[in-house]
Amino acid sequence: MFNAMGNWIGMVGGLVSLVFIARLLSPMDFGVFGMALVTFSIPEIFASGSLNDSIVQRRNLAVGHVNSVFMQSLGLALVFWLGISLLAPAIAAGFSHPELVPILRVFSIVLIIGAVTSVPAALLQRDLRYKEITIVDIVGTVSAAVIGIWLAVVLRDAWALVWMEISRRMIRLLMFAWLAKWRPSFKSSWSETHELTRFNSTNLTTKVVQAFGGAIPRVMIGSVLGPAALGMFNMSGRLLEQAKSAFVTPFAAVALPVASQAQNDLPMLFRAIEGAMRLAALVAYPIFIGGSVIAPIAIPAVFGEQWVPAVVTIQVFLLMGLRAPTSAFNTGVLNGVGRVDLNFKLAIVGTVLTAISVLSTIHISLEAVALALLAQLMISWFLGAYAVKAAIGFPMHRQVIAGSSALIASLIMGAIVWFSMKILPETWTGLVQVLVLVPIGGVTYVAALAALSPRLAKRIVQALFILVQGRPAEALAVARGMS
């Protein structure tokens, strides 16, 4: 029960803070902060976003391996921290926003925080201690939300976002270190470092390429369309990521550790992957489709009229989430079975496709860029599914059909909600319309799912009830039996 409640508390806390802060700040403020995030996207991969994966993936883990990861991460963080502090004026000039200089120098502390956080967080993930991870997420999210809202009221500019994010990461560092009972140490040997080199080098290169691909649209949008457009793009991405964190990540997070432990038992691995995909799809599909349908009413009602120009982009981003219940597992599975080389190739292809998509649409509009990225995502998902098939033999069609009943039921729900939007009285406020449409969507989805597959609907209720009780392993076992 605690784990399930934790995921929802984290999502609600993040969403509530986002709503309040978005109403107090402008797309321009989010865009300026987004420029800082783009600057740190690749340095953070070096400092905290890749080396720790070897702690989770390695079967025989010694203390020296852990210390080696810590020392390498901290060393890289210090190098990038110094480099960005010195180059801040040049980076700000590249974005044509000199006010970025102090933001970049202050925010660079997150590199050191992330380097230290990555090790205890990986140790908890390796041991599948998701209850403790959930505790950290709850406390970090809620605390940062309170701090962020207060700062937005007081400062009314991008600095509120800067200090909110720094506080969130600092809280996570302290809690991860405490729960993992980990203390920094510099005792390691060259042989232990060398044993991690092959996995780390390929995994690091892959993530750098992926980060570069993710930075391309943000840099181009900030440079060509301006910070307000970048703010709207980042808001769209943040809403997608929060939805994925709540409805997909709790299932996808098991991909790497489970694949590492079950790589010699493929039938069991197949059942685990398919069950998790199916259960994630059952929850995620109606959220993404329903959210996309009601966005024209919900966004101005919840976030304020200043975000109306972002509605179409947000709708497109939410549709990107339709592939999340399957594609989110591919990277973790490939890393778990040691095929980091395939992830590297996928990252290269994805980056090239992203560059082509953005360059061909950036001078049209922000919405055109979002649509091009949606098309690129579908191509990348197909290639990822093929890579998993090549690596472990998991059939592509099983990824395609995982949760197909949920997708059809969600499309039916979306059509009925859209029709309901057209007949609601125009005198009703946007918030009232949202409060009416959400339960209509929920009832319609359940009814459509029961009509399509009564047996599946019964198992869904059983699995979700078990999941809410905080027994994810049993929920997945029930999900594996769905047809």
Protein backbone atom coordinates (compact mmCIF):
# COMPACT_ATOMS: atom_id res chain seq x y z
CA MET A 1 0.00 0.00 0.00
CA PHE A 2 2.82 2.40 0.91
CA ASN A 3 4.63 2.06 -2.41
CA ALA A 4 1.50 2.71 -4.43
CA MET A 5 0.53 5.65 -2.25
CA GLY A 6 4.07 6.96 -2.56
CA ASN A 7 3.95 7.03 -6.34
CA TRP A 8 0.66 8.91 -6.29
CA ILE A 9 1.78 11.36 -3.60
CA GLY A 10 4.89 12.11 -5.65
CA MET A 11 2.83 12.67 -8.78
CA VAL A 12 0.22 14.82 -7.04
CA GLY A 13 2.87 16.84 -5.22
CA GLY A 14 4.78 17.49 -8.44
CA LEU A 15 1.62 18.38 -10.34
CA VAL A 16 0.30 20.70 -7.63
CA SER A 17 3.60 22.57 -7.46
CA LEU A 18 3.73 22.77 -11.25
CA VAL A 19 0.20 24.22 -11.37
CA PHE A 20 0.93 26.90 -8.77
CA ILE A 21 4.33 27.81 -10.18
CA ALA A 22 3.05 27.87 -13.78
CA ARG A 23 0.33 30.33 -12.77
CA LEU A 24 2.87 32.56 -11.00
CA LEU A 25 5.63 32.44 -13.62
CA SER A 26 5.61 32.91 -17.39
CA PRO A 27 6.69 30.70 -20.30
CA MET A 28 9.69 33.04 -20.56
CA ASP A 29 10.81 32.11 -17.02
CA PHE A 30 10.47 28.42 -17.80
CA GLY A 31 12.40 29.00 -21.00
CA VAL A 32 15.34 30.69 -19.25
CA PHE A 33 15.50 27.83 -16.76
CA GLY A 34 15.20 25.43 -19.69
CA MET A 35 18.34 26.96 -21.21
CA ALA A 36 20.20 26.08 -18.02
CA LEU A 37 18.85 22.54 -18.09
CA VAL A 38 20.01 22.11 -21.70
CA THR A 39 23.48 23.29 -20.75
CA PHE A 40 23.76 20.68 -18.01
CA SER A 41 22.12 17.79 -19.86
CA ILE A 42 25.34 16.26 -21.16
CA PRO A 43 27.61 17.08 -18.16
CA GLU A 44 25.06 15.38 -15.89
CA ILE A 45 25.32 12.21 -17.95
CA PHE A 46 29.05 12.09 -17.18
CA ALA A 47 28.71 13.06 -13.54
CA SER A 48 25.69 11.08 -12.40
CA GLY A 49 23.65 9.56 -15.19
CA SER A 50 25.57 6.54 -16.45
CA LEU A 51 28.46 5.15 -14.39
CA ASN A 52 26.12 4.09 -11.58
CA ASP A 53 24.30 1.70 -13.95
CA SER A 54 27.27 -0.66 -13.67
CA ILE A 55 26.53 -1.04 -9.95
CA VAL A 56 23.06 -2.33 -10.79
CA GLN A 57 24.10 -4.43 -13.78
CA ARG A 58 27.18 -6.18 -12.36
CA ARG A 59 26.47 -9.61 -10.88
CA ASN A 60 29.52 -9.82 -8.58
CA LEU A 61 29.85 -6.42 -6.96
CA ALA A 62 32.73 -5.57 -4.62
CA VAL A 63 33.17 -2.50 -2.43
CA GLY A 64 36.00 -1.40 -4.69
CA HIS A 65 33.64 -1.30 -7.68
CA VAL A 66 31.29 1.00 -5.79
CA ASN A 67 34.12 3.28 -4.67
CA SER A 68 35.50 3.40 -8.20
CA VAL A 69 32.17 4.59 -9.57
CA PHE A 70 32.00 7.25 -6.86
CA MET A 71 35.51 8.57 -7.54
CA GLN A 72 35.02 8.68 -11.31
CA SER A 73 31.65 10.42 -11.00
CA LEU A 74 32.95 12.99 -8.53
CA GLY A 75 36.04 13.70 -10.64
CA LEU A 76 33.97 14.29 -13.76
CA ALA A 77 31.53 16.47 -11.80
CA LEU A 78 34.33 18.72 -10.55
CA VAL A 79 35.78 19.09 -14.06
CA PHE A 80 32.42 20.09 -15.56
CA TRP A 81 31.56 22.32 -12.60
CA LEU A 82 34.77 24.30 -13.13
CA GLY A 83 34.35 24.37 -16.90
CA ILE A 84 30.77 25.67 -16.85
CA SER A 85 31.61 28.26 -14.19
CA LEU A 86 34.38 29.64 -16.40
CA LEU A 87 32.45 29.40 -19.67
CA ALA A 88 29.14 30.76 -18.32
CA PRO A 89 29.47 34.15 -20.12
CA ALA A 90 30.13 32.44 -23.47
CA ILE A 91 27.22 30.02 -22.99
CA ALA A 92 24.86 32.87 -22.06
CA ALA A 93 26.02 34.82 -25.11
CA GLY A 94 25.25 31.82 -27.29
CA PHE A 95 21.64 31.94 -26.07
CA SER A 96 21.63 35.77 -26.27
CA HIS A 97 20.57 35.94 -22.60
CA PRO A 98 23.27 37.41 -20.33
CA GLU A 99 21.07 36.85 -17.27
CA LEU A 100 21.96 33.17 -17.59
CA VAL A 101 25.50 33.72 -16.26
CA PRO A 102 24.71 33.72 -12.50
CA ILE A 103 22.10 30.98 -12.97
CA LEU A 104 24.63 28.69 -14.66
CA ARG A 105 27.25 29.28 -11.98
CA VAL A 106 24.88 28.63 -9.10
CA PHE A 107 23.11 25.69 -10.73
CA SER A 108 26.42 23.96 -11.50
CA ILE A 109 26.44 22.68 -7.91
CA VAL A 110 23.91 20.05 -9.03
CA LEU A 111 26.76 18.24 -10.82
CA ILE A 112 28.52 17.52 -7.53
CA ILE A 113 25.25 16.71 -5.76
CA GLY A 114 24.31 14.28 -8.52
CA ALA A 115 27.69 12.55 -8.52
CA VAL A 116 27.44 11.78 -4.81
CA THR A 117 23.74 10.81 -5.04
CA SER A 118 24.18 8.33 -7.88
CA VAL A 119 25.99 5.67 -5.84
CA PRO A 120 23.56 5.17 -2.90
CA ALA A 121 20.62 5.44 -5.31
CA ALA A 122 22.09 2.65 -7.47
CA LEU A 123 22.71 0.46 -4.41
CA LEU A 124 19.05 0.70 -3.42
CA GLN A 125 17.93 -0.03 -6.99
CA ARG A 126 20.26 -3.03 -7.22
CA ASP A 127 18.67 -4.52 -4.11
CA LEU A 128 15.15 -3.76 -5.43
CA ARG A 129 14.51 -1.59 -2.36
CA TYR A 130 11.78 0.42 -4.04
CA LYS A 131 10.04 1.22 -0.78
CA GLU A 132 13.04 3.29 0.30
CA ILE A 133 13.31 4.86 -3.15
CA THR A 134 9.63 5.81 -2.91
CA ILE A 135 10.24 7.45 0.47
CA VAL A 136 12.98 9.57 -1.08
CA ASP A 137 10.75 10.52 -4.01
CA ILE A 138 7.90 11.55 -1.71
CA VAL A 139 9.99 13.65 0.64
CA GLY A 140 12.04 15.20 -2.16
CA THR A 141 9.02 16.05 -4.29
CA VAL A 142 6.84 17.43 -1.51
CA SER A 143 9.64 19.42 0.10
CA ALA A 144 10.76 20.90 -3.20
CA ALA A 145 7.14 21.69 -4.10
CA VAL A 146 6.66 23.72 -0.92
CA ILE A 147 9.98 25.51 -1.43
CA GLY A 148 9.25 26.14 -5.11
CA ILE A 149 5.80 27.61 -4.53
CA TRP A 150 7.11 29.90 -1.78
CA LEU A 151 10.00 31.06 -3.96
CA ALA A 152 7.70 31.63 -6.95
CA VAL A 153 5.53 33.89 -4.78
CA VAL A 154 8.55 35.80 -3.48
CA LEU A 155 10.85 35.93 -6.53
CA ARG A 156 8.47 35.73 -9.51
CA ASP A 157 11.27 34.74 -11.90
CA ALA A 158 13.40 31.79 -13.09
CA TRP A 159 15.41 31.76 -9.87
CA ALA A 160 12.46 30.12 -8.13
CA LEU A 161 12.87 27.11 -10.44
CA VAL A 162 16.63 27.08 -9.92
CA TRP A 163 16.50 26.95 -6.13
CA MET A 164 13.57 24.51 -6.13
CA GLU A 165 15.55 22.02 -8.21
CA ILE A 166 18.71 22.42 -6.13
CA SER A 167 16.74 21.81 -2.92
CA ARG A 168 15.08 18.69 -4.38
CA ARG A 169 18.40 17.18 -5.33
CA MET A 170 20.03 18.00 -2.01
CA ILE A 171 17.22 16.37 -0.08
CA ARG A 172 17.48 13.27 -2.26
CA LEU A 173 21.23 13.08 -1.66
CA LEU A 174 20.89 13.16 2.12
CA MET A 175 18.08 10.60 2.17
CA PHE A 176 19.64 8.17 -0.29
CA ALA A 177 22.93 8.17 1.63
CA TRP A 178 21.09 7.61 4.91
CA LEU A 179 18.80 4.82 3.69
CA ALA A 180 21.55 2.98 1.82
CA LYS A 181 23.87 3.37 4.84
CA TRP A 182 26.55 4.46 2.39
CA ARG A 183 29.53 6.63 3.15
CA PRO A 184 31.99 8.01 0.57
CA SER A 185 35.27 6.12 0.28
CA PHE A 186 38.27 6.37 -2.05
CA LYS A 187 39.52 2.81 -1.56
CA SER A 188 39.60 1.01 -4.89
CA SER A 189 42.03 -0.70 -7.22
CA TRP A 190 42.86 -0.24 -10.87
CA SER A 191 41.71 -3.81 -11.62
CA GLU A 192 38.27 -3.10 -10.12
CA THR A 193 37.99 0.06 -12.17
CA HIS A 194 39.10 -1.77 -15.30
CA GLU A 195 36.43 -4.46 -14.78
CA LEU A 196 33.76 -1.80 -15.17
CA THR A 197 35.37 -0.07 -18.13
CA ARG A 198 33.73 -1.94 -21.01
CA PHE A 199 30.19 -1.57 -19.73
CA ASN A 200 30.71 2.00 -18.52
CA SER A 201 32.40 3.27 -21.67
CA THR A 202 29.68 2.02 -24.00
CA ASN A 203 26.84 2.97 -21.63
CA LEU A 204 28.33 6.44 -21.09
CA THR A 205 28.79 7.04 -24.80
CA THR A 206 25.23 5.89 -25.46
CA LYS A 207 23.75 8.23 -22.89
CA VAL A 208 25.81 11.16 -24.11
CA VAL A 209 24.47 10.58 -27.61
CA GLN A 210 20.92 10.33 -26.22
CA ALA A 211 21.40 13.53 -24.23
CA PHE A 212 22.76 15.25 -27.30
CA GLY A 213 19.67 14.12 -29.21
CA GLY A 214 17.45 15.48 -26.45
CA ALA A 215 19.33 18.78 -26.41
CA ILE A 216 19.04 19.38 -30.16
CA PRO A 217 15.38 20.49 -30.19
CA ARG A 218 15.80 22.60 -27.06
CA VAL A 219 18.87 24.41 -28.33
CA MET A 220 17.26 25.01 -31.72
CA ILE A 221 13.95 26.16 -30.25
CA GLY A 222 15.66 28.48 -27.76
CA SER A 223 17.89 29.96 -30.48
CA VAL A 224 15.35 30.23 -33.33
CA LEU A 225 11.92 30.52 -31.69
CA GLY A 226 13.01 32.16 -28.42
CA PRO A 227 12.77 31.43 -24.68
CA ALA A 228 8.96 31.61 -24.54
CA ALA A 229 8.67 28.83 -27.12
CA LEU A 230 11.32 26.86 -25.23
CA GLY A 231 9.32 27.33 -22.04
CA MET A 232 6.21 25.90 -23.70
CA PHE A 233 8.24 23.01 -25.14
CA ASN A 234 9.72 22.27 -21.71
CA MET A 235 6.32 22.47 -20.05
CA SER A 236 4.99 19.91 -22.55
CA GLY A 237 7.94 17.63 -21.87
CA ARG A 238 7.56 18.02 -18.13
CA LEU A 239 3.89 17.04 -18.19
CA LEU A 240 4.76 13.97 -20.25
CA GLU A 241 7.59 13.00 -17.90
CA GLN A 242 5.41 13.42 -14.81
CA ALA A 243 2.72 11.21 -16.34
CA LYS A 244 5.32 8.61 -17.29
CA SER A 245 6.87 8.76 -13.81
CA ALA A 246 3.51 8.03 -12.21
CA PHE A 247 2.07 5.49 -14.63
CA VAL A 248 5.00 3.85 -16.47
CA THR A 249 8.23 4.20 -14.49
CA PRO A 250 7.07 2.10 -11.49
CA PHE A 251 6.78 -0.84 -13.90
CA ALA A 252 9.71 -0.02 -16.20
CA ALA A 253 12.09 0.50 -13.27
CA VAL A 254 12.29 -3.26 -12.76
CA ALA A 255 13.54 -3.86 -16.31
CA LEU A 256 17.27 -3.44 -15.64
CA PRO A 257 17.55 -5.40 -12.36
CA VAL A 258 15.12 -8.12 -13.47
CA ALA A 259 16.85 -8.53 -16.84
CA SER A 260 20.22 -8.71 -15.06
CA GLN A 261 19.02 -11.45 -12.74
CA ALA A 262 16.95 -13.41 -15.29
CA GLN A 263 19.15 -13.11 -18.37
CA ASN A 264 19.80 -16.86 -18.26
CA ASP A 265 16.10 -17.70 -17.94
CA LEU A 266 14.53 -16.11 -21.02
CA PRO A 267 11.02 -17.59 -20.64
CA MET A 268 10.73 -16.05 -17.19
CA LEU A 269 12.18 -12.77 -18.51
CA PHE A 270 9.63 -12.72 -21.35
CA ARG A 271 6.75 -13.22 -18.94
CA ALA A 272 8.02 -10.51 -16.61
CA ILE A 273 8.49 -7.98 -19.44
CA GLU A 274 5.15 -8.68 -21.07
CA GLY A 275 3.25 -8.61 -17.78
CA ALA A 276 4.79 -5.29 -16.79
CA MET A 277 4.16 -3.79 -20.24
CA ARG A 278 0.54 -4.88 -20.16
CA LEU A 279 -0.14 -3.56 -16.70
CA ALA A 280 1.57 -0.24 -17.49
CA ALA A 281 -0.48 0.10 -20.69
CA LEU A 282 -3.73 -0.51 -18.83
CA VAL A 283 -3.04 2.46 -16.59
CA ALA A 284 -1.13 4.75 -18.98
CA TYR A 285 -3.11 4.59 -22.24
CA PRO A 286 -6.31 6.20 -20.90
CA ILE A 287 -4.26 8.88 -19.12
CA PHE A 288 -2.34 9.93 -22.23
CA ILE A 289 -5.30 9.80 -24.62
CA GLY A 290 -7.75 11.38 -22.18
CA GLY A 291 -5.26 14.11 -21.26
CA SER A 292 -4.64 14.93 -24.90
CA VAL A 293 -8.38 15.20 -25.61
CA ILE A 294 -9.24 17.54 -22.73
CA ALA A 295 -6.04 19.64 -22.95
CA PRO A 296 -7.73 22.59 -24.75
CA ILE A 297 -9.99 23.03 -21.73
CA ALA A 298 -7.73 21.77 -18.96
CA ILE A 299 -4.54 23.71 -19.72
CA PRO A 300 -5.95 27.26 -19.49
CA ALA A 301 -8.24 26.26 -16.60
CA VAL A 302 -5.43 24.74 -14.55
CA PHE A 303 -2.23 26.54 -15.60
CA GLY A 304 -3.60 29.89 -16.71
CA GLU A 305 -4.37 31.66 -19.97
CA GLN A 306 -0.68 32.41 -20.61
CA TRP A 307 -0.21 28.73 -21.50
CA VAL A 308 -2.93 28.57 -24.20
CA PRO A 309 -0.33 28.79 -27.03
CA ALA A 310 1.23 25.58 -25.67
CA VAL A 311 -1.95 23.48 -25.90
CA VAL A 312 -1.29 21.80 -29.25
CA THR A 313 2.32 21.02 -28.32
CA ILE A 314 1.16 19.51 -25.02
CA GLN A 315 -1.40 17.37 -26.86
CA VAL A 316 1.27 16.02 -29.20
CA PHE A 317 3.63 15.27 -26.31
CA LEU A 318 0.92 13.35 -24.46
CA LEU A 319 0.38 11.23 -27.58
CA MET A 320 4.10 10.43 -27.47
CA GLY A 321 3.36 8.65 -24.22
CA LEU A 322 1.38 5.95 -26.03
CA ARG A 323 4.58 4.07 -26.78
CA ALA A 324 6.02 4.54 -23.29
CA PRO A 325 4.52 1.35 -21.76
CA THR A 326 6.55 -0.72 -24.23
CA SER A 327 9.55 1.39 -25.28
CA ALA A 328 10.43 2.29 -21.67
CA PHE A 329 11.46 -1.32 -21.12
CA ASN A 330 13.80 -1.66 -24.10
CA THR A 331 16.79 0.27 -22.74
CA GLY A 332 16.64 -1.41 -19.35
CA VAL A 333 16.36 -4.89 -20.83
CA LEU A 334 19.25 -4.38 -23.25
CA ASN A 335 21.47 -2.99 -20.49
CA GLY A 336 20.41 -5.77 -18.15
CA VAL A 337 21.52 -8.51 -20.53
CA GLY A 338 24.74 -6.66 -21.31
CA ARG A 339 23.85 -5.49 -24.83
CA VAL A 340 24.85 -1.87 -24.32
CA ASP A 341 26.21 -1.91 -27.86
CA LEU A 342 22.67 -2.10 -29.25
CA ASN A 343 21.56 0.81 -27.10
CA PHE A 344 24.49 2.79 -28.47
CA LYS A 345 23.44 2.11 -32.07
CA LEU A 346 19.85 3.03 -31.27
CA ALA A 347 21.02 6.28 -29.69
CA ILE A 348 23.02 7.20 -32.79
CA VAL A 349 20.09 6.56 -35.11
CA GLY A 350 17.68 8.39 -32.78
CA THR A 351 19.92 11.45 -32.61
CA VAL A 352 20.26 11.62 -36.38
CA LEU A 353 16.48 11.30 -36.81
CA THR A 354 15.91 13.98 -34.17
CA ALA A 355 18.28 16.38 -35.92
CA ILE A 356 16.54 15.80 -39.25
CA SER A 357 13.10 16.24 -37.67
CA VAL A 358 13.96 19.52 -35.96
CA LEU A 359 15.96 21.06 -38.79
CA SER A 360 13.16 20.36 -41.28
CA THR A 361 10.42 21.93 -39.13
CA ILE A 362 12.00 24.55 -36.82
CA HIS A 363 11.20 27.41 -39.21
CA ILE A 364 7.55 26.34 -39.50
CA SER A 365 6.31 26.35 -35.91
CA LEU A 366 6.71 24.81 -32.48
CA GLU A 367 3.76 22.51 -33.21
CA ALA A 368 5.45 21.26 -36.39
CA VAL A 369 8.57 20.39 -34.40
CA ALA A 370 6.47 18.42 -31.90
CA LEU A 371 4.71 16.47 -34.66
CA ALA A 372 8.02 15.64 -36.33
CA LEU A 373 9.39 14.38 -33.00
CA LEU A 374 6.29 12.22 -32.56
CA ALA A 375 6.95 10.58 -35.94
CA GLN A 376 10.63 10.14 -35.02
CA LEU A 377 9.64 8.49 -31.72
CA MET A 378 7.51 5.90 -33.51
CA ILE A 379 10.40 4.98 -35.81
CA SER A 380 12.78 4.75 -32.85
CA TRP A 381 10.34 2.53 -30.96
CA PHE A 382 10.19 0.10 -33.91
CA LEU A 383 13.99 -0.07 -34.03
CA GLY A 384 14.15 -0.59 -30.26
CA ALA A 385 11.65 -3.44 -30.41
CA TYR A 386 13.71 -5.04 -33.17
CA ALA A 387 16.89 -4.67 -31.09
CA VAL A 388 15.27 -6.45 -28.13
CA LYS A 389 14.19 -9.24 -30.46
CA ALA A 390 17.74 -9.54 -31.82
CA ALA A 391 19.24 -9.56 -28.31
CA ILE A 392 16.97 -11.98 -26.44
CA GLY A 393 14.45 -13.20 -29.00
CA PHE A 394 11.45 -11.40 -27.50
CA PRO A 395 9.00 -11.21 -30.46
CA MET A 396 8.13 -7.76 -31.75
CA HIS A 397 4.45 -8.59 -32.15
CA ARG A 398 4.22 -9.26 -28.41
CA GLN A 399 5.33 -5.69 -27.78
CA VAL A 400 2.83 -4.39 -30.33
CA ILE A 401 -0.15 -6.24 -28.89
CA ALA A 402 0.77 -5.79 -25.21
CA GLY A 403 -2.14 -3.77 -23.90
CA SER A 404 -3.95 -3.64 -27.27
CA SER A 405 -7.33 -4.00 -25.59
CA ALA A 406 -6.46 -1.08 -23.33
CA LEU A 407 -5.51 1.00 -26.37
CA ILE A 408 -8.79 0.30 -28.17
CA ALA A 409 -10.80 1.02 -25.01
CA SER A 410 -8.85 4.26 -24.53
CA LEU A 411 -9.58 5.36 -28.10
CA ILE A 412 -13.29 4.71 -27.54
CA MET A 413 -13.09 6.68 -24.32
CA GLY A 414 -11.30 9.53 -26.09
CA ALA A 415 -13.98 9.75 -28.77
CA ILE A 416 -16.80 9.86 -26.22
CA VAL A 417 -15.00 12.47 -24.10
CA TRP A 418 -14.39 14.60 -27.20
CA PHE A 419 -18.09 14.39 -28.13
CA SER A 420 -19.04 15.26 -24.55
CA MET A 421 -16.83 18.36 -24.72
CA LYS A 422 -18.85 19.59 -27.69
CA ILE A 423 -22.23 19.35 -25.95
CA LEU A 424 -21.31 20.71 -22.52
CA PRO A 425 -22.87 24.14 -21.79
CA GLU A 426 -20.54 26.97 -22.80
CA THR A 427 -21.54 28.83 -19.66
CA TRP A 428 -19.70 26.27 -17.53
CA THR A 429 -16.19 27.26 -16.49
CA GLY A 430 -13.24 25.28 -17.79
CA LEU A 431 -12.56 23.76 -14.39
CA VAL A 432 -16.16 22.56 -14.04
CA GLN A 433 -16.02 21.00 -17.50
CA VAL A 434 -12.82 19.15 -16.58
CA LEU A 435 -14.38 17.86 -13.37
CA VAL A 436 -17.30 16.51 -15.42
CA LEU A 437 -15.24 15.05 -18.27
CA VAL A 438 -12.77 13.11 -16.12
CA PRO A 439 -15.35 10.77 -14.52
CA ILE A 440 -17.08 10.38 -17.91
CA GLY A 441 -13.76 9.19 -19.29
CA GLY A 442 -13.11 6.84 -16.39
CA VAL A 443 -16.51 5.15 -16.57
CA THR A 444 -16.36 4.92 -20.37
CA TYR A 445 -12.89 3.34 -20.31
CA VAL A 446 -13.85 0.66 -17.79
CA ALA A 447 -17.08 -0.10 -19.67
CA ALA A 448 -15.30 -0.34 -23.03
CA LEU A 449 -12.63 -2.59 -21.57
CA ALA A 450 -15.23 -4.87 -20.00
CA ALA A 451 -17.11 -5.09 -23.31
CA LEU A 452 -13.96 -5.90 -25.30
CA SER A 453 -12.70 -8.56 -22.90
CA PRO A 454 -14.67 -9.41 -19.74
CA ARG A 455 -11.98 -11.84 -18.58
CA LEU A 456 -9.28 -9.24 -19.08
CA ALA A 457 -11.31 -6.62 -17.22
CA LYS A 458 -11.67 -8.97 -14.27
CA ARG A 459 -7.96 -9.61 -14.14
CA ILE A 460 -7.25 -5.89 -14.44
CA VAL A 461 -9.36 -5.15 -11.40
CA GLN A 462 -7.58 -7.92 -9.50
CA ALA A 463 -4.09 -6.74 -10.55
CA LEU A 464 -4.75 -3.07 -9.82
CA PHE A 465 -6.34 -3.87 -6.46
CA ILE A 466 -3.24 -5.89 -5.50
CA LEU A 467 -0.98 -3.11 -6.78
CA VAL A 468 -2.77 -0.49 -4.66
CA GLN A 469 -2.17 -2.72 -1.64
CA GLY A 470 1.56 -2.35 -2.28
CA ARG A 471 2.22 -5.84 -3.70
CA PRO A 472 3.66 -5.12 -7.18
CA ALA A 473 5.19 -8.60 -7.62
CA GLU A 474 1.80 -10.28 -7.14
CA ALA A 475 0.16 -7.70 -9.41
CA LEU A 476 2.64 -8.53 -12.17
CA ALA A 477 1.98 -12.24 -11.65
CA VAL A 478 -1.73 -11.62 -12.22
CA ALA A 479 -0.91 -9.42 -15.23
CA ARG A 480 1.14 -12.20 -16.83
CA GLY A 481 -1.96 -14.33 -16.95
CA MET A 482 -3.94 -11.79 -18.99
CA SER A 483 -4.79 -12.74 -22.52
